[in-house]
Amino acid sequence: MTTSDLVKKLCAEENISISELARCIGQSRQNFSKKLKRDTLTFDELKAIADALGVTFE
């Protein structure tokens, strides 16, 4: 499972859209979607995603 797949799965479990998550971490939907598609999320972005979704990032 790629990092992008995991983010999408967590969004589904938390009932939050990709667009809403992008807003929560301060990115545009378009930019965030491209990063997910290319699987090029940075460490800081992954930490922000975890914080926004209320999960632990290890």
N, C-alpha and C. Protein backbone atom coordinates (compact mmCIF):
# COMPACT_ATOMS: atom_id res chain seq x y z
N MET A 1 0.86 -1.18 0.00
CA MET A 1 0.00 0.00 0.00
C MET A 1 0.90 1.24 0.00
N THR A 2 0.64 2.13 -0.93
CA THR A 2 1.42 3.37 -1.01
C THR A 2 0.95 4.35 0.05
N THR A 3 1.75 5.36 0.27
CA THR A 3 1.39 6.41 1.22
C THR A 3 0.09 7.09 0.79
N SER A 4 -0.05 7.33 -0.49
CA SER A 4 -1.26 7.97 -1.01
C SER A 4 -2.50 7.11 -0.76
N ASP A 5 -2.36 5.80 -0.95
CA ASP A 5 -3.47 4.89 -0.67
C ASP A 5 -3.86 4.95 0.80
N LEU A 6 -2.86 5.02 1.67
CA LEU A 6 -3.12 5.10 3.10
C LEU A 6 -3.84 6.39 3.47
N VAL A 7 -3.42 7.50 2.87
CA VAL A 7 -4.09 8.79 3.14
C VAL A 7 -5.54 8.72 2.68
N LYS A 8 -5.78 8.16 1.51
CA LYS A 8 -7.15 8.04 0.99
C LYS A 8 -8.00 7.13 1.88
N LYS A 9 -7.41 6.05 2.37
CA LYS A 9 -8.12 5.14 3.26
C LYS A 9 -8.48 5.84 4.57
N LEU A 10 -7.53 6.58 5.13
CA LEU A 10 -7.80 7.31 6.37
C LEU A 10 -8.89 8.36 6.17
N CYS A 11 -8.88 9.02 5.03
CA CYS A 11 -9.93 10.00 4.73
C CYS A 11 -11.30 9.33 4.70
N ALA A 12 -11.36 8.17 4.09
CA ALA A 12 -12.63 7.45 4.02
C ALA A 12 -13.09 7.03 5.41
N GLU A 13 -12.15 6.55 6.24
CA GLU A 13 -12.50 6.14 7.59
C GLU A 13 -12.95 7.31 8.47
N GLU A 14 -12.34 8.47 8.25
CA GLU A 14 -12.68 9.66 9.04
C GLU A 14 -13.80 10.48 8.41
N ASN A 15 -14.30 10.00 7.26
CA ASN A 15 -15.39 10.67 6.55
C ASN A 15 -15.05 12.12 6.21
N ILE A 16 -13.86 12.30 5.63
CA ILE A 16 -13.40 13.63 5.21
C ILE A 16 -12.95 13.52 3.76
N SER A 17 -13.29 14.50 2.97
CA SER A 17 -12.91 14.46 1.55
C SER A 17 -11.46 14.90 1.38
N ILE A 18 -10.89 14.54 0.25
CA ILE A 18 -9.53 14.95 -0.08
C ILE A 18 -9.47 16.48 -0.15
N SER A 19 -10.50 17.09 -0.70
CA SER A 19 -10.54 18.56 -0.79
C SER A 19 -10.54 19.20 0.58
N GLU A 20 -11.32 18.65 1.50
CA GLU A 20 -11.39 19.19 2.85
C GLU A 20 -10.05 19.00 3.57
N LEU A 21 -9.44 17.86 3.38
CA LEU A 21 -8.13 17.61 3.99
C LEU A 21 -7.10 18.60 3.45
N ALA A 22 -7.13 18.84 2.15
CA ALA A 22 -6.20 19.80 1.53
C ALA A 22 -6.36 21.17 2.18
N ARG A 23 -7.60 21.62 2.38
CA ARG A 23 -7.84 22.91 3.04
C ARG A 23 -7.30 22.91 4.47
N CYS A 24 -7.49 21.81 5.17
CA CYS A 24 -7.03 21.70 6.56
C CYS A 24 -5.52 21.85 6.69
N ILE A 25 -4.80 21.39 5.68
CA ILE A 25 -3.34 21.47 5.76
C ILE A 25 -2.78 22.66 4.96
N GLY A 26 -3.67 23.51 4.47
CA GLY A 26 -3.25 24.74 3.82
C GLY A 26 -2.78 24.61 2.39
N GLN A 27 -3.33 23.63 1.66
CA GLN A 27 -2.98 23.46 0.25
C GLN A 27 -4.23 23.53 -0.61
N SER A 28 -4.00 23.82 -1.87
CA SER A 28 -5.13 23.81 -2.80
C SER A 28 -5.47 22.35 -3.12
N ARG A 29 -6.71 22.11 -3.50
CA ARG A 29 -7.14 20.77 -3.85
C ARG A 29 -6.33 20.23 -5.02
N GLN A 30 -6.08 21.09 -6.01
CA GLN A 30 -5.35 20.66 -7.19
C GLN A 30 -3.92 20.23 -6.85
N ASN A 31 -3.23 21.03 -6.09
CA ASN A 31 -1.85 20.73 -5.72
C ASN A 31 -1.78 19.45 -4.88
N PHE A 32 -2.69 19.33 -3.92
CA PHE A 32 -2.70 18.16 -3.05
C PHE A 32 -3.02 16.89 -3.84
N SER A 33 -3.96 16.98 -4.74
CA SER A 33 -4.32 15.82 -5.57
C SER A 33 -3.14 15.37 -6.43
N LYS A 34 -2.40 16.33 -6.98
CA LYS A 34 -1.22 15.99 -7.78
C LYS A 34 -0.16 15.30 -6.93
N LYS A 35 0.04 15.78 -5.71
CA LYS A 35 1.02 15.15 -4.82
C LYS A 35 0.59 13.73 -4.46
N LEU A 36 -0.71 13.53 -4.25
CA LEU A 36 -1.20 12.19 -3.96
C LEU A 36 -1.00 11.27 -5.16
N LYS A 37 -1.30 11.79 -6.33
CA LYS A 37 -1.18 10.99 -7.56
C LYS A 37 0.27 10.56 -7.80
N ARG A 38 1.20 11.48 -7.53
CA ARG A 38 2.62 11.19 -7.74
C ARG A 38 3.28 10.55 -6.53
N ASP A 39 2.55 10.51 -5.42
CA ASP A 39 3.06 9.98 -4.15
C ASP A 39 4.33 10.72 -3.72
N THR A 40 4.23 12.06 -3.73
CA THR A 40 5.38 12.91 -3.39
C THR A 40 5.11 13.78 -2.18
N LEU A 41 4.44 13.23 -1.18
CA LEU A 41 4.17 14.00 0.03
C LEU A 41 5.43 14.08 0.89
N THR A 42 5.68 15.25 1.47
CA THR A 42 6.85 15.44 2.32
C THR A 42 6.55 14.98 3.74
N PHE A 43 7.60 14.86 4.52
CA PHE A 43 7.46 14.47 5.93
C PHE A 43 6.55 15.45 6.66
N ASP A 44 6.77 16.76 6.46
CA ASP A 44 5.95 17.78 7.12
C ASP A 44 4.49 17.70 6.70
N GLU A 45 4.25 17.41 5.43
CA GLU A 45 2.87 17.26 4.95
C GLU A 45 2.21 16.04 5.58
N LEU A 46 2.96 14.95 5.69
CA LEU A 46 2.41 13.74 6.31
C LEU A 46 2.07 14.00 7.78
N LYS A 47 2.91 14.75 8.46
CA LYS A 47 2.65 15.10 9.86
C LYS A 47 1.40 15.95 9.96
N ALA A 48 1.24 16.93 9.07
CA ALA A 48 0.06 17.79 9.07
C ALA A 48 -1.20 16.99 8.76
N ILE A 49 -1.11 16.03 7.85
CA ILE A 49 -2.24 15.17 7.52
C ILE A 49 -2.64 14.35 8.74
N ALA A 50 -1.67 13.76 9.41
CA ALA A 50 -1.95 12.97 10.60
C ALA A 50 -2.63 13.82 11.67
N ASP A 51 -2.13 15.04 11.88
CA ASP A 51 -2.73 15.94 12.86
C ASP A 51 -4.17 16.29 12.48
N ALA A 52 -4.39 16.57 11.20
CA ALA A 52 -5.72 16.94 10.74
C ALA A 52 -6.71 15.79 10.87
N LEU A 53 -6.23 14.55 10.69
CA LEU A 53 -7.10 13.39 10.76
C LEU A 53 -7.17 12.80 12.18
N GLY A 54 -6.36 13.34 13.08
CA GLY A 54 -6.39 12.86 14.46
C GLY A 54 -5.80 11.48 14.64
N VAL A 55 -4.76 11.19 13.85
CA VAL A 55 -4.09 9.89 13.97
C VAL A 55 -2.62 10.12 14.33
N THR A 56 -1.96 9.06 14.76
CA THR A 56 -0.56 9.13 15.14
C THR A 56 0.31 8.88 13.91
N PHE A 57 1.35 9.69 13.76
CA PHE A 57 2.30 9.52 12.65
C PHE A 57 3.61 9.00 13.22
N GLU A 58 4.01 7.83 12.75
CA GLU A 58 5.27 7.23 13.24
C GLU A 58 6.19 6.95 12.08
